[in-house]
Every structure is written in C-alpha cells, then in structure tokens.
Amino acid sequence: MMSGVFVDSNVFLKILEGDHNLKYYFINLCESDVVYRNPAVYSEVVYGLV
C-alpha cells in the first residue's frame, strides 16, 4: 500500500504568492512524508503564474 500526500497546484501557487506559514508547513511535510504531484499540477502552476 502506498502512502503519502498529493499536493495540488493551489499549494504551490499560495507559496509563490508569499504564504510563509504554508511554505514552512510544506517543507516539514516534504521532510516527513512522500509528496506526490503530476504534470497537470506543474501545468496549472505555470498557467497561474502567467
């Protein structure tokens, strides 16, 4: 059985917008668990930045 956390594009966009609390939470999450994302997430983040 796989365990971990899927991270949606909204998390990355909020971090890029300057949400420092979320940034530190995400860093701690990455250190303690497996974090999954897919190409659609990357695409949505790039689209959100443009």
N, C-alpha and C. Protein backbone atom coordinates (compact mmCIF):
# COMPACT_ATOMS: atom_id res chain seq x y z
N MET A 1 0.83 -1.19 0.00
CA MET A 1 0.00 0.00 0.00
C MET A 1 0.88 1.25 0.00
N MET A 2 0.56 2.17 -0.88
CA MET A 2 1.31 3.42 -0.95
C MET A 2 0.73 4.43 0.03
N SER A 3 1.60 5.18 0.63
CA SER A 3 1.12 6.27 1.48
C SER A 3 1.85 7.54 1.08
N GLY A 4 1.28 8.64 1.38
CA GLY A 4 1.87 9.92 1.04
C GLY A 4 0.79 10.96 0.86
N VAL A 5 1.18 12.09 0.32
CA VAL A 5 0.28 13.22 0.17
C VAL A 5 0.38 13.74 -1.26
N PHE A 6 -0.78 13.91 -1.91
CA PHE A 6 -0.80 14.54 -3.22
C PHE A 6 -0.95 16.04 -3.02
N VAL A 7 -0.08 16.80 -3.65
CA VAL A 7 -0.09 18.25 -3.50
C VAL A 7 -0.70 18.89 -4.74
N ASP A 8 -1.75 19.65 -4.53
CA ASP A 8 -2.45 20.33 -5.61
C ASP A 8 -1.73 21.63 -5.98
N SER A 9 -2.01 22.12 -7.14
CA SER A 9 -1.37 23.34 -7.63
C SER A 9 -1.64 24.54 -6.74
N ASN A 10 -2.79 24.55 -6.06
CA ASN A 10 -3.12 25.68 -5.19
C ASN A 10 -2.09 25.87 -4.08
N VAL A 11 -1.52 24.79 -3.61
CA VAL A 11 -0.49 24.88 -2.56
C VAL A 11 0.73 25.62 -3.10
N PHE A 12 1.20 25.21 -4.27
CA PHE A 12 2.37 25.86 -4.86
C PHE A 12 2.09 27.33 -5.18
N LEU A 13 0.91 27.61 -5.70
CA LEU A 13 0.57 29.00 -6.04
C LEU A 13 0.50 29.88 -4.79
N LYS A 14 -0.08 29.36 -3.71
CA LYS A 14 -0.14 30.14 -2.46
C LYS A 14 1.26 30.40 -1.92
N ILE A 15 2.14 29.40 -2.01
CA ILE A 15 3.52 29.59 -1.56
C ILE A 15 4.21 30.65 -2.40
N LEU A 16 4.01 30.60 -3.71
CA LEU A 16 4.62 31.59 -4.60
C LEU A 16 4.05 32.99 -4.38
N GLU A 17 2.82 33.07 -3.89
CA GLU A 17 2.21 34.37 -3.58
C GLU A 17 2.71 34.93 -2.27
N GLY A 18 3.44 34.12 -1.50
CA GLY A 18 4.04 34.64 -0.28
C GLY A 18 3.48 34.11 1.02
N ASP A 19 2.72 33.02 0.99
CA ASP A 19 2.18 32.44 2.22
C ASP A 19 3.29 31.68 2.94
N HIS A 20 3.94 32.37 3.90
CA HIS A 20 5.09 31.78 4.59
C HIS A 20 4.70 30.64 5.51
N ASN A 21 3.54 30.72 6.14
CA ASN A 21 3.10 29.62 7.01
C ASN A 21 2.94 28.34 6.21
N LEU A 22 2.32 28.44 5.05
CA LEU A 22 2.13 27.28 4.19
C LEU A 22 3.47 26.77 3.68
N LYS A 23 4.37 27.67 3.38
CA LYS A 23 5.70 27.27 2.90
C LYS A 23 6.41 26.40 3.93
N TYR A 24 6.41 26.84 5.18
CA TYR A 24 7.09 26.07 6.23
C TYR A 24 6.37 24.76 6.52
N TYR A 25 5.04 24.77 6.45
CA TYR A 25 4.28 23.54 6.62
C TYR A 25 4.63 22.55 5.50
N PHE A 26 4.71 23.05 4.27
CA PHE A 26 5.04 22.21 3.12
C PHE A 26 6.45 21.64 3.24
N ILE A 27 7.40 22.44 3.67
CA ILE A 27 8.77 21.96 3.85
C ILE A 27 8.80 20.84 4.89
N ASN A 28 8.11 21.03 6.01
CA ASN A 28 8.06 19.98 7.03
C ASN A 28 7.37 18.73 6.50
N LEU A 29 6.34 18.90 5.70
CA LEU A 29 5.65 17.77 5.12
C LEU A 29 6.58 16.98 4.21
N CYS A 30 7.35 17.68 3.40
CA CYS A 30 8.29 17.01 2.49
C CYS A 30 9.35 16.22 3.25
N GLU A 31 9.73 16.71 4.41
CA GLU A 31 10.75 16.02 5.21
C GLU A 31 10.19 14.80 5.92
N SER A 32 8.88 14.78 6.17
CA SER A 32 8.30 13.70 6.97
C SER A 32 7.47 12.70 6.18
N ASP A 33 7.13 13.00 4.94
CA ASP A 33 6.24 12.12 4.17
C ASP A 33 6.60 12.18 2.70
N VAL A 34 6.03 11.25 1.94
CA VAL A 34 6.22 11.24 0.50
C VAL A 34 5.22 12.21 -0.11
N VAL A 35 5.69 13.08 -0.98
CA VAL A 35 4.84 14.09 -1.61
C VAL A 35 4.72 13.75 -3.09
N TYR A 36 3.47 13.66 -3.56
CA TYR A 36 3.20 13.34 -4.96
C TYR A 36 2.64 14.56 -5.68
N ARG A 37 2.97 14.69 -6.94
CA ARG A 37 2.40 15.67 -7.83
C ARG A 37 2.48 15.09 -9.23
N ASN A 38 1.82 15.71 -10.18
CA ASN A 38 1.83 15.19 -11.54
C ASN A 38 2.03 16.33 -12.53
N PRO A 39 2.19 16.01 -13.81
CA PRO A 39 2.42 17.06 -14.81
C PRO A 39 1.29 18.09 -14.88
N ALA A 40 0.07 17.69 -14.60
CA ALA A 40 -1.05 18.65 -14.63
C ALA A 40 -0.85 19.72 -13.57
N VAL A 41 -0.32 19.35 -12.41
CA VAL A 41 -0.06 20.33 -11.35
C VAL A 41 0.96 21.36 -11.84
N TYR A 42 2.05 20.89 -12.43
CA TYR A 42 3.05 21.82 -12.96
C TYR A 42 2.44 22.75 -14.00
N SER A 43 1.61 22.19 -14.88
CA SER A 43 0.97 22.99 -15.91
C SER A 43 0.08 24.07 -15.31
N GLU A 44 -0.68 23.71 -14.28
CA GLU A 44 -1.57 24.68 -13.63
C GLU A 44 -0.79 25.77 -12.92
N VAL A 45 0.36 25.41 -12.32
CA VAL A 45 1.18 26.42 -11.65
C VAL A 45 1.74 27.41 -12.67
N VAL A 46 2.25 26.90 -13.77
CA VAL A 46 2.79 27.78 -14.81
C VAL A 46 1.68 28.67 -15.37
N TYR A 47 0.53 28.10 -15.62
CA TYR A 47 -0.60 28.88 -16.13
C TYR A 47 -0.99 29.96 -15.10
N GLY A 48 -1.00 29.61 -13.84
CA GLY A 48 -1.35 30.56 -12.79
C GLY A 48 -0.36 31.70 -12.68
N LEU A 49 0.89 31.43 -12.97
CA LEU A 49 1.91 32.47 -12.91
C LEU A 49 1.85 33.42 -14.10
N VAL A 50 1.41 32.89 -15.22
CA VAL A 50 1.32 33.70 -16.44
C VAL A 50 0.09 34.56 -16.34
